[in-house]
Amino acid sequence: MVIRVYIASSSGSVAVKKRQQAIVGFLEANRISFEEVDITMLEDQRLWMYRNIPEEKRPEKGNPLPPQIFNGDEYCGDYEDFFQSKEMNTVFSFLRLPPVKDSES
């Protein structure tokens, strides 16, 4: 499975941009393979993202905002879920990835 981060490249929200950068930066820094899916350019992907976010994670009004994270077709969570997993050092289980073995020098 591949980790997919749904982003909005042309978001007018500074908060959304910072959250997207935080997730992408963390994944890159930790060499976790992922692909970015820009929902502002790909209408079918935007609709897919909306349809596949669980009901309990959707806002009361409007559509869910990026960034949203999936492992294949399985929903992992949004920025808040990601941040919480990072704080608890459980990012790999959050992303549904096997834990990384510490390499000994």
PDB file of N, CA and C in Angstrom:
ATOM      1  N   MET A   1       0.836  -1.190   0.000  1.00  0.00           N
ATOM      2  CA  MET A   1       0.000   0.000   0.000  1.00  0.00           C
ATOM      3  C   MET A   1       0.875   1.245   0.000  1.00  0.00           C
ATOM      4  N   VAL A   2       0.328   2.302  -0.534  1.00  0.00           N
ATOM      5  CA  VAL A   2       1.075   3.546  -0.577  1.00  0.00           C
ATOM      6  C   VAL A   2       0.355   4.588   0.286  1.00  0.00           C
ATOM      7  N   ILE A   3       1.153   5.352   1.006  1.00  0.00           N
ATOM      8  CA  ILE A   3       0.617   6.449   1.808  1.00  0.00           C
ATOM      9  C   ILE A   3       0.277   7.585   0.847  1.00  0.00           C
ATOM     10  N   ARG A   4      -0.932   8.095   0.945  1.00  0.00           N
ATOM     11  CA  ARG A   4      -1.348   9.228   0.122  1.00  0.00           C
ATOM     12  C   ARG A   4      -1.767  10.369   1.038  1.00  0.00           C
ATOM     13  N   VAL A   5      -1.194  11.541   0.776  1.00  0.00           N
ATOM     14  CA  VAL A   5      -1.540  12.741   1.530  1.00  0.00           C
ATOM     15  C   VAL A   5      -2.315  13.645   0.578  1.00  0.00           C
ATOM     16  N   TYR A   6      -3.571  13.865   0.888  1.00  0.00           N
ATOM     17  CA  TYR A   6      -4.417  14.729   0.072  1.00  0.00           C
ATOM     18  C   TYR A   6      -4.201  16.168   0.513  1.00  0.00           C
ATOM     19  N   ILE A   7      -3.750  16.987  -0.440  1.00  0.00           N
ATOM     20  CA  ILE A   7      -3.414  18.381  -0.149  1.00  0.00           C
ATOM     21  C   ILE A   7      -4.188  19.306  -1.084  1.00  0.00           C
ATOM     22  N   ALA A   8      -4.118  20.603  -0.800  1.00  0.00           N
ATOM     23  CA  ALA A   8      -4.672  21.632  -1.684  1.00  0.00           C
ATOM     24  C   ALA A   8      -3.560  22.625  -1.963  1.00  0.00           C
ATOM     25  N   SER A   9      -3.023  22.579  -3.189  1.00  0.00           N
ATOM     26  CA  SER A   9      -1.883  23.436  -3.531  1.00  0.00           C
ATOM     27  C   SER A   9      -2.259  24.909  -3.572  1.00  0.00           C
ATOM     28  N   SER A  10      -3.521  25.204  -3.830  1.00  0.00           N
ATOM     29  CA  SER A  10      -3.913  26.608  -3.934  1.00  0.00           C
ATOM     30  C   SER A  10      -4.819  27.048  -2.787  1.00  0.00           C
ATOM     31  N   SER A  11      -4.597  26.483  -1.609  1.00  0.00           N
ATOM     32  CA  SER A  11      -5.392  26.864  -0.454  1.00  0.00           C
ATOM     33  C   SER A  11      -5.068  28.295  -0.046  1.00  0.00           C
ATOM     34  N   GLY A  12      -6.093  29.047   0.286  1.00  0.00           N
ATOM     35  CA  GLY A  12      -5.889  30.410   0.770  1.00  0.00           C
ATOM     36  C   GLY A  12      -5.636  30.453   2.265  1.00  0.00           C
ATOM     37  N   SER A  13      -5.736  29.311   2.908  1.00  0.00           N
ATOM     38  CA  SER A  13      -5.580  29.243   4.357  1.00  0.00           C
ATOM     39  C   SER A  13      -4.127  28.962   4.742  1.00  0.00           C
ATOM     40  N   VAL A  14      -3.557  29.842   5.531  1.00  0.00           N
ATOM     41  CA  VAL A  14      -2.188  29.649   6.010  1.00  0.00           C
ATOM     42  C   VAL A  14      -2.114  28.412   6.904  1.00  0.00           C
ATOM     43  N   ALA A  15      -3.142  28.195   7.707  1.00  0.00           N
ATOM     44  CA  ALA A  15      -3.167  27.041   8.611  1.00  0.00           C
ATOM     45  C   ALA A  15      -3.136  25.731   7.823  1.00  0.00           C
ATOM     46  N   VAL A  16      -3.922  25.638   6.758  1.00  0.00           N
ATOM     47  CA  VAL A  16      -3.941  24.431   5.924  1.00  0.00           C
ATOM     48  C   VAL A  16      -2.564  24.210   5.306  1.00  0.00           C
ATOM     49  N   LYS A  17      -1.961  25.275   4.781  1.00  0.00           N
ATOM     50  CA  LYS A  17      -0.629  25.154   4.164  1.00  0.00           C
ATOM     51  C   LYS A  17       0.409  24.676   5.177  1.00  0.00           C
ATOM     52  N   LYS A  18       0.381  25.238   6.380  1.00  0.00           N
ATOM     53  CA  LYS A  18       1.346  24.833   7.416  1.00  0.00           C
ATOM     54  C   LYS A  18       1.147  23.381   7.822  1.00  0.00           C
ATOM     55  N   ARG A  19      -0.091  22.965   7.932  1.00  0.00           N
ATOM     56  CA  ARG A  19      -0.379  21.577   8.308  1.00  0.00           C
ATOM     57  C   ARG A  19       0.100  20.614   7.224  1.00  0.00           C
ATOM     58  N   GLN A  20      -0.148  20.979   5.975  1.00  0.00           N
ATOM     59  CA  GLN A  20       0.320  20.148   4.860  1.00  0.00           C
ATOM     60  C   GLN A  20       1.836  20.042   4.881  1.00  0.00           C
ATOM     61  N   GLN A  21       2.509  21.174   5.060  1.00  0.00           N
ATOM     62  CA  GLN A  21       3.973  21.190   5.097  1.00  0.00           C
ATOM     63  C   GLN A  21       4.510  20.364   6.254  1.00  0.00           C
ATOM     64  N   ALA A  22       3.841  20.416   7.399  1.00  0.00           N
ATOM     65  CA  ALA A  22       4.291  19.659   8.569  1.00  0.00           C
ATOM     66  C   ALA A  22       4.248  18.160   8.294  1.00  0.00           C
ATOM     67  N   ILE A  23       3.162  17.692   7.691  1.00  0.00           N
ATOM     68  CA  ILE A  23       3.036  16.263   7.395  1.00  0.00           C
ATOM     69  C   ILE A  23       4.039  15.841   6.338  1.00  0.00           C
ATOM     70  N   VAL A  24       4.094  16.568   5.232  1.00  0.00           N
ATOM     71  CA  VAL A  24       5.007  16.221   4.141  1.00  0.00           C
ATOM     72  C   VAL A  24       6.458  16.276   4.625  1.00  0.00           C
ATOM     73  N   GLY A  25       6.804  17.300   5.381  1.00  0.00           N
ATOM     74  CA  GLY A  25       8.162  17.430   5.913  1.00  0.00           C
ATOM     75  C   GLY A  25       8.540  16.269   6.820  1.00  0.00           C
ATOM     76  N   PHE A  26       7.617  15.855   7.680  1.00  0.00           N
ATOM     77  CA  PHE A  26       7.883  14.731   8.574  1.00  0.00           C
ATOM     78  C   PHE A  26       8.097  13.448   7.779  1.00  0.00           C
ATOM     79  N   LEU A  27       7.214  13.196   6.811  1.00  0.00           N
ATOM     80  CA  LEU A  27       7.338  11.970   6.004  1.00  0.00           C
ATOM     81  C   LEU A  27       8.661  11.960   5.231  1.00  0.00           C
ATOM     82  N   GLU A  28       9.018  13.091   4.650  1.00  0.00           N
ATOM     83  CA  GLU A  28      10.284  13.181   3.907  1.00  0.00           C
ATOM     84  C   GLU A  28      11.476  12.986   4.836  1.00  0.00           C
ATOM     85  N   ALA A  29      11.464  13.645   5.983  1.00  0.00           N
ATOM     86  CA  ALA A  29      12.582  13.556   6.935  1.00  0.00           C
ATOM     87  C   ALA A  29      12.779  12.138   7.449  1.00  0.00           C
ATOM     88  N   ASN A  30      11.681  11.389   7.540  1.00  0.00           N
ATOM     89  CA  ASN A  30      11.750  10.018   8.050  1.00  0.00           C
ATOM     90  C   ASN A  30      11.781   8.975   6.935  1.00  0.00           C
ATOM     91  N   ARG A  31      11.967   9.456   5.724  1.00  0.00           N
ATOM     92  CA  ARG A  31      12.070   8.593   4.534  1.00  0.00           C
ATOM     93  C   ARG A  31      10.902   7.614   4.425  1.00  0.00           C
ATOM     94  N   ILE A  32       9.719   8.123   4.692  1.00  0.00           N
ATOM     95  CA  ILE A  32       8.503   7.337   4.529  1.00  0.00           C
ATOM     96  C   ILE A  32       7.954   7.643   3.143  1.00  0.00           C
ATOM     97  N   SER A  33       7.846   6.619   2.327  1.00  0.00           N
ATOM     98  CA  SER A  33       7.383   6.782   0.961  1.00  0.00           C
ATOM     99  C   SER A  33       5.918   7.204   0.951  1.00  0.00           C
ATOM    100  N   PHE A  34       5.592   8.209   0.143  1.00  0.00           N
ATOM    101  CA  PHE A  34       4.217   8.698   0.059  1.00  0.00           C
ATOM    102  C   PHE A  34       4.025   9.411  -1.263  1.00  0.00           C
ATOM    103  N   GLU A  35       2.783   9.666  -1.599  1.00  0.00           N
ATOM    104  CA  GLU A  35       2.494  10.503  -2.755  1.00  0.00           C
ATOM    105  C   GLU A  35       1.519  11.588  -2.334  1.00  0.00           C
ATOM    106  N   GLU A  36       1.701  12.755  -2.914  1.00  0.00           N
ATOM    107  CA  GLU A  36       0.785  13.866  -2.673  1.00  0.00           C
ATOM    108  C   GLU A  36      -0.295  13.829  -3.739  1.00  0.00           C
ATOM    109  N   VAL A  37      -1.523  14.044  -3.329  1.00  0.00           N
ATOM    110  CA  VAL A  37      -2.640  14.119  -4.258  1.00  0.00           C
ATOM    111  C   VAL A  37      -3.255  15.503  -4.093  1.00  0.00           C
ATOM    112  N   ASP A  38      -3.146  16.313  -5.139  1.00  0.00           N
ATOM    113  CA  ASP A  38      -3.629  17.682  -5.083  1.00  0.00           C
ATOM    114  C   ASP A  38      -5.107  17.726  -5.466  1.00  0.00           C
ATOM    115  N   ILE A  39      -5.966  17.947  -4.477  1.00  0.00           N
ATOM    116  CA  ILE A  39      -7.405  17.921  -4.729  1.00  0.00           C
ATOM    117  C   ILE A  39      -7.902  19.158  -5.468  1.00  0.00           C
ATOM    118  N   THR A  40      -7.059  20.194  -5.600  1.00  0.00           N
ATOM    119  CA  THR A  40      -7.480  21.373  -6.354  1.00  0.00           C
ATOM    120  C   THR A  40      -7.316  21.148  -7.854  1.00  0.00           C
ATOM    121  N   MET A  41      -6.515  20.158  -8.221  1.00  0.00           N
ATOM    122  CA  MET A  41      -6.266  19.887  -9.642  1.00  0.00           C
ATOM    123  C   MET A  41      -6.983  18.637 -10.138  1.00  0.00           C
ATOM    124  N   LEU A  42      -7.370  17.761  -9.218  1.00  0.00           N
ATOM    125  CA  LEU A  42      -7.947  16.471  -9.602  1.00  0.00           C
ATOM    126  C   LEU A  42      -9.324  16.305  -8.963  1.00  0.00           C
ATOM    127  N   GLU A  43     -10.355  16.691  -9.694  1.00  0.00           N
ATOM    128  CA  GLU A  43     -11.724  16.656  -9.183  1.00  0.00           C
ATOM    129  C   GLU A  43     -12.133  15.258  -8.729  1.00  0.00           C
ATOM    130  N   ASP A  44     -11.790  14.239  -9.514  1.00  0.00           N
ATOM    131  CA  ASP A  44     -12.183  12.876  -9.149  1.00  0.00           C
ATOM    132  C   ASP A  44     -11.516  12.441  -7.849  1.00  0.00           C
ATOM    133  N   GLN A  45     -10.274  12.867  -7.622  1.00  0.00           N
ATOM    134  CA  GLN A  45      -9.579  12.524  -6.377  1.00  0.00           C
ATOM    135  C   GLN A  45     -10.176  13.276  -5.183  1.00  0.00           C
ATOM    136  N   ARG A  46     -10.591  14.513  -5.408  1.00  0.00           N
ATOM    137  CA  ARG A  46     -11.234  15.293  -4.342  1.00  0.00           C
ATOM    138  C   ARG A  46     -12.529  14.608  -3.910  1.00  0.00           C
ATOM    139  N   LEU A  47     -13.329  14.207  -4.885  1.00  0.00           N
ATOM    140  CA  LEU A  47     -14.589  13.530  -4.574  1.00  0.00           C
ATOM    141  C   LEU A  47     -14.334  12.183  -3.897  1.00  0.00           C
ATOM    142  N   TRP A  48     -13.304  11.458  -4.356  1.00  0.00           N
ATOM    143  CA  TRP A  48     -12.953  10.178  -3.728  1.00  0.00           C
ATOM    144  C   TRP A  48     -12.586  10.401  -2.261  1.00  0.00           C
ATOM    145  N   MET A  49     -11.764  11.430  -2.004  1.00  0.00           N
ATOM    146  CA  MET A  49     -11.355  11.737  -0.633  1.00  0.00           C
ATOM    147  C   MET A  49     -12.590  12.016   0.226  1.00  0.00           C
ATOM    148  N   TYR A  50     -13.495  12.876  -0.254  1.00  0.00           N
ATOM    149  CA  TYR A  50     -14.698  13.204   0.517  1.00  0.00           C
ATOM    150  C   TYR A  50     -15.517  11.957   0.830  1.00  0.00           C
ATOM    151  N   ARG A  51     -15.691  11.087  -0.159  1.00  0.00           N
ATOM    152  CA  ARG A  51     -16.507   9.879   0.026  1.00  0.00           C
ATOM    153  C   ARG A  51     -15.879   8.891   0.999  1.00  0.00           C
ATOM    154  N   ASN A  52     -14.552   8.892   1.122  1.00  0.00           N
ATOM    155  CA  ASN A  52     -13.868   7.859   1.906  1.00  0.00           C
ATOM    156  C   ASN A  52     -13.424   8.294   3.293  1.00  0.00           C
ATOM    157  N   ILE A  53     -13.786   9.495   3.683  1.00  0.00           N
ATOM    158  CA  ILE A  53     -13.542   9.933   5.059  1.00  0.00           C
ATOM    159  C   ILE A  53     -14.732   9.473   5.893  1.00  0.00           C
ATOM    160  N   PRO A  54     -14.474   8.751   6.981  1.00  0.00           N
ATOM    161  CA  PRO A  54     -15.588   8.247   7.805  1.00  0.00           C
ATOM    162  C   PRO A  54     -16.501   9.369   8.283  1.00  0.00           C
ATOM    163  N   GLU A  55     -17.751   9.038   8.406  1.00  0.00           N
ATOM    164  CA  GLU A  55     -18.784  10.010   8.816  1.00  0.00           C
ATOM    165  C   GLU A  55     -18.390  10.761  10.086  1.00  0.00           C
ATOM    166  N   GLU A  56     -17.850  10.053  11.075  1.00  0.00           N
ATOM    167  CA  GLU A  56     -17.513  10.699  12.350  1.00  0.00           C
ATOM    168  C   GLU A  56     -16.353  11.690  12.244  1.00  0.00           C
ATOM    169  N   LYS A  57     -15.611  11.655  11.137  1.00  0.00           N
ATOM    170  CA  LYS A  57     -14.480  12.581  10.951  1.00  0.00           C
ATOM    171  C   LYS A  57     -14.856  13.772  10.067  1.00  0.00           C
ATOM    172  N   ARG A  58     -16.092  13.817   9.606  1.00  0.00           N
ATOM    173  CA  ARG A  58     -16.511  14.915   8.733  1.00  0.00           C
ATOM    174  C   ARG A  58     -16.997  16.091   9.563  1.00  0.00           C
ATOM    175  N   PRO A  59     -16.759  17.311   9.087  1.00  0.00           N
ATOM    176  CA  PRO A  59     -17.253  18.484   9.829  1.00  0.00           C
ATOM    177  C   PRO A  59     -18.778  18.568   9.758  1.00  0.00           C
ATOM    178  N   GLU A  60     -19.361  19.268  10.719  1.00  0.00           N
ATOM    179  CA  GLU A  60     -20.822  19.423  10.728  1.00  0.00           C
ATOM    180  C   GLU A  60     -21.294  20.168   9.487  1.00  0.00           C
ATOM    181  N   LYS A  61     -20.500  21.155   9.055  1.00  0.00           N
ATOM    182  CA  LYS A  61     -20.847  21.934   7.870  1.00  0.00           C
ATOM    183  C   LYS A  61     -19.678  21.907   6.898  1.00  0.00           C
ATOM    184  N   GLY A  62     -19.991  21.860   5.626  1.00  0.00           N
ATOM    185  CA  GLY A  62     -18.963  21.915   4.593  1.00  0.00           C
ATOM    186  C   GLY A  62     -18.250  20.585   4.404  1.00  0.00           C
ATOM    187  N   ASN A  63     -17.146  20.651   3.708  1.00  0.00           N
ATOM    188  CA  ASN A  63     -16.355  19.460   3.393  1.00  0.00           C
ATOM    189  C   ASN A  63     -15.110  19.389   4.274  1.00  0.00           C
ATOM    190  N   PRO A  64     -14.574  18.171   4.452  1.00  0.00           N
ATOM    191  CA  PRO A  64     -13.336  18.032   5.218  1.00  0.00           C
ATOM    192  C   PRO A  64     -12.195  18.782   4.517  1.00  0.00           C
ATOM    193  N   LEU A  65     -11.357  19.421   5.307  1.00  0.00           N
ATOM    194  CA  LEU A  65     -10.229  20.166   4.742  1.00  0.00           C
ATOM    195  C   LEU A  65      -8.990  19.286   4.667  1.00  0.00           C
ATOM    196  N   PRO A  66      -8.148  19.539   3.675  1.00  0.00           N
ATOM    197  CA  PRO A  66      -6.849  18.869   3.656  1.00  0.00           C
ATOM    198  C   PRO A  66      -5.975  19.441   4.765  1.00  0.00           C
ATOM    199  N   PRO A  67      -4.949  18.752   5.141  1.00  0.00           N
ATOM    200  CA  PRO A  67      -4.510  17.459   4.632  1.00  0.00           C
ATOM    201  C   PRO A  67      -5.281  16.297   5.253  1.00  0.00           C
ATOM    202  N   GLN A  68      -5.510  15.260   4.432  1.00  0.00           N
ATOM    203  CA  GLN A  68      -6.122  14.011   4.860  1.00  0.00           C
ATOM    204  C   GLN A  68      -5.170  12.898   4.441  1.00  0.00           C
ATOM    205  N   ILE A  69      -5.028  11.881   5.267  1.00  0.00           N
ATOM    206  CA  ILE A  69      -4.033  10.838   5.016  1.00  0.00           C
ATOM    207  C   ILE A  69      -4.707   9.481   4.875  1.00  0.00           C
ATOM    208  N   PHE A  70      -4.294   8.757   3.834  1.00  0.00           N
ATOM    209  CA  PHE A  70      -4.782   7.409   3.573  1.00  0.00           C
ATOM    210  C   PHE A  70      -3.593   6.480   3.359  1.00  0.00           C
ATOM    211  N   ASN A  71      -3.780   5.210   3.692  1.00  0.00           N
ATOM    212  CA  ASN A  71      -2.840   4.160   3.307  1.00  0.00           C
ATOM    213  C   ASN A  71      -3.614   3.291   2.334  1.00  0.00           C
ATOM    214  N   GLY A  72      -3.320   3.439   1.049  1.00  0.00           N
ATOM    215  CA  GLY A  72      -4.142   2.797   0.029  1.00  0.00           C
ATOM    216  C   GLY A  72      -5.539   3.380   0.107  1.00  0.00           C
ATOM    217  N   ASP A  73      -6.536   2.512   0.275  1.00  0.00           N
ATOM    218  CA  ASP A  73      -7.917   2.975   0.394  1.00  0.00           C
ATOM    219  C   ASP A  73      -8.346   3.145   1.845  1.00  0.00           C
ATOM    220  N   GLU A  74      -7.451   2.868   2.785  1.00  0.00           N
ATOM    221  CA  GLU A  74      -7.803   2.920   4.202  1.00  0.00           C
ATOM    222  C   GLU A  74      -7.499   4.304   4.788  1.00  0.00           C
ATOM    223  N   TYR A  75      -8.517   4.898   5.381  1.00  0.00           N
ATOM    224  CA  TYR A  75      -8.369   6.219   5.983  1.00  0.00           C
ATOM    225  C   TYR A  75      -7.517   6.129   7.242  1.00  0.00           C
ATOM    226  N   CYS A  76      -6.486   6.971   7.321  1.00  0.00           N
ATOM    227  CA  CYS A  76      -5.641   7.028   8.527  1.00  0.00           C
ATOM    228  C   CYS A  76      -6.089   8.158   9.440  1.00  0.00           C
ATOM    229  N   GLY A  77      -6.299   9.348   8.860  1.00  0.00           N
ATOM    230  CA  GLY A  77      -6.738  10.462   9.680  1.00  0.00           C
ATOM    231  C   GLY A  77      -6.403  11.808   9.061  1.00  0.00           C
ATOM    232  N   ASP A  78      -6.656  12.843   9.841  1.00  0.00           N
ATOM    233  CA  ASP A  78      -6.378  14.203   9.408  1.00  0.00           C
ATOM    234  C   ASP A  78      -5.152  14.732  10.149  1.00  0.00           C
ATOM    235  N   TYR A  79      -4.920  16.033  10.056  1.00  0.00           N
ATOM    236  CA  TYR A  79      -3.735  16.606  10.696  1.00  0.00           C
ATOM    237  C   TYR A  79      -3.749  16.390  12.208  1.00  0.00           C
ATOM    238  N   GLU A  80      -4.898  16.583  12.839  1.00  0.00           N
ATOM    239  CA  GLU A  80      -4.969  16.426  14.297  1.00  0.00           C
ATOM    240  C   GLU A  80      -4.599  15.003  14.718  1.00  0.00           C
ATOM    241  N   ASP A  81      -5.116  14.026  13.974  1.00  0.00           N
ATOM    242  CA  ASP A  81      -4.785  12.627  14.272  1.00  0.00           C
ATOM    243  C   ASP A  81      -3.286  12.377  14.072  1.00  0.00           C
ATOM    244  N   PHE A  82      -2.745  12.919  12.984  1.00  0.00           N
ATOM    245  CA  PHE A  82      -1.320  12.770  12.691  1.00  0.00           C
ATOM    246  C   PHE A  82      -0.480  13.393  13.808  1.00  0.00           C
ATOM    247  N   PHE A  83      -0.825  14.615  14.201  1.00  0.00           N
ATOM    248  CA  PHE A  83      -0.070  15.321  15.232  1.00  0.00           C
ATOM    249  C   PHE A  83      -0.091  14.538  16.543  1.00  0.00           C
ATOM    250  N   GLN A  84      -1.254  14.012  16.891  1.00  0.00           N
ATOM    251  CA  GLN A  84      -1.371  13.233  18.122  1.00  0.00           C
ATOM    252  C   GLN A  84      -0.495  11.983  18.060  1.00  0.00           C
ATOM    253  N   SER A  85      -0.484  11.308  16.910  1.00  0.00           N
ATOM    254  CA  SER A  85       0.338  10.097  16.777  1.00  0.00           C
ATOM    255  C   SER A  85       1.820  10.450  16.835  1.00  0.00           C
ATOM    256  N   LYS A  86       2.169  11.604  16.307  1.00  0.00           N
ATOM    257  CA  LYS A  86       3.572  12.053  16.359  1.00  0.00           C
ATOM    258  C   LYS A  86       3.987  12.326  17.802  1.00  0.00           C
ATOM    259  N   GLU A  87       3.117  12.973  18.549  1.00  0.00           N
ATOM    260  CA  GLU A  87       3.400  13.272  19.956  1.00  0.00           C
ATOM    261  C   GLU A  87       3.525  11.995  20.788  1.00  0.00           C
ATOM    262  N   MET A  88       2.766  10.978  20.423  1.00  0.00           N
ATOM    263  CA  MET A  88       2.770   9.723  21.174  1.00  0.00           C
ATOM    264  C   MET A  88       3.765   8.708  20.593  1.00  0.00           C
ATOM    265  N   ASN A  89       4.499   9.137  19.559  1.00  0.00           N
ATOM    266  CA  ASN A  89       5.487   8.277  18.903  1.00  0.00           C
ATOM    267  C   ASN A  89       4.848   7.003  18.338  1.00  0.00           C
ATOM    268  N   THR A  90       3.669   7.159  17.725  1.00  0.00           N
ATOM    269  CA  THR A  90       2.958   6.022  17.134  1.00  0.00           C
ATOM    270  C   THR A  90       2.631   6.264  15.656  1.00  0.00           C
ATOM    271  N   VAL A  91       3.468   7.049  14.982  1.00  0.00           N
ATOM    272  CA  VAL A  91       3.185   7.411  13.588  1.00  0.00           C
ATOM    273  C   VAL A  91       3.098   6.190  12.686  1.00  0.00           C
ATOM    274  N   PHE A  92       3.991   5.210  12.865  1.00  0.00           N
ATOM    275  CA  PHE A  92       3.966   4.051  11.974  1.00  0.00           C
ATOM    276  C   PHE A  92       2.661   3.268  12.114  1.00  0.00           C
ATOM    277  N   SER A  93       2.171   3.084  13.335  1.00  0.00           N
ATOM    278  CA  SER A  93       0.896   2.380  13.489  1.00  0.00           C
ATOM    279  C   SER A  93      -0.250   3.253  12.970  1.00  0.00           C
ATOM    280  N   PHE A  94      -0.186   4.570  13.160  1.00  0.00           N
ATOM    281  CA  PHE A  94      -1.186   5.494  12.617  1.00  0.00           C
ATOM    282  C   PHE A  94      -1.267   5.350  11.094  1.00  0.00           C
ATOM    283  N   LEU A  95      -0.103   5.234  10.451  1.00  0.00           N
ATOM    284  CA  LEU A  95      -0.050   5.105   8.990  1.00  0.00           C
ATOM    285  C   LEU A  95      -0.285   3.673   8.513  1.00  0.00           C
ATOM    286  N   ARG A  96      -0.514   2.754   9.463  1.00  0.00           N
ATOM    287  CA  ARG A  96      -0.708   1.324   9.156  1.00  0.00           C
ATOM    288  C   ARG A  96       0.530   0.738   8.488  1.00  0.00           C
ATOM    289  N   LEU A  97       1.699   1.141   8.998  1.00  0.00           N
ATOM    290  CA  LEU A  97       2.975   0.634   8.495  1.00  0.00           C
ATOM    291  C   LEU A  97       3.625  -0.230   9.564  1.00  0.00           C
ATOM    292  N   PRO A  98       4.435  -1.207   9.148  1.00  0.00           N
ATOM    293  CA  PRO A  98       5.161  -1.999  10.148  1.00  0.00           C
ATOM    294  C   PRO A  98       6.177  -1.125  10.861  1.00  0.00           C
ATOM    295  N   PRO A  99       6.449  -1.396  12.135  1.00  0.00           N
ATOM    296  CA  PRO A  99       7.432  -0.588  12.860  1.00  0.00           C
ATOM    297  C   PRO A  99       8.823  -0.735  12.245  1.00  0.00           C
ATOM    298  N   VAL A 100       9.599   0.311  12.348  1.00  0.00           N
ATOM    299  CA  VAL A 100      10.965   0.299  11.829  1.00  0.00           C
ATOM    300  C   VAL A 100      11.889  -0.253  12.905  1.00  0.00           C
ATOM    301  N   LYS A 101      12.714  -1.168  12.519  1.00  0.00           N
ATOM    302  CA  LYS A 101      13.694  -1.743  13.452  1.00  0.00           C
ATOM    303  C   LYS A 101      14.849  -0.754  13.595  1.00  0.00           C
ATOM    304  N   ASP A 102      15.280  -0.531  14.830  1.00  0.00           N
ATOM    305  CA  ASP A 102      16.432   0.343  15.049  1.00  0.00           C
ATOM    306  C   ASP A 102      17.674  -0.353  14.492  1.00  0.00           C
ATOM    307  N   SER A 103      18.447   0.391  13.728  1.00  0.00           N
ATOM    308  CA  SER A 103      19.679  -0.204  13.195  1.00  0.00           C
ATOM    309  C   SER A 103      20.814   0.083  14.158  1.00  0.00           C
ATOM    310  N   GLU A 104      21.610  -0.920  14.386  1.00  0.00           N
ATOM    311  CA  GLU A 104      22.734  -0.759  15.285  1.00  0.00           C
ATOM    312  C   GLU A 104      23.987  -0.438  14.489  1.00  0.00           C
ATOM    313  N   SER A 105      24.769   0.488  14.989  1.00  0.00           N
ATOM    314  CA  SER A 105      25.977   0.913  14.264  1.00  0.00           C
ATOM    315  C   SER A 105      27.134  -0.006  14.520  1.00  0.00           C
TER     316      SER A 105
END
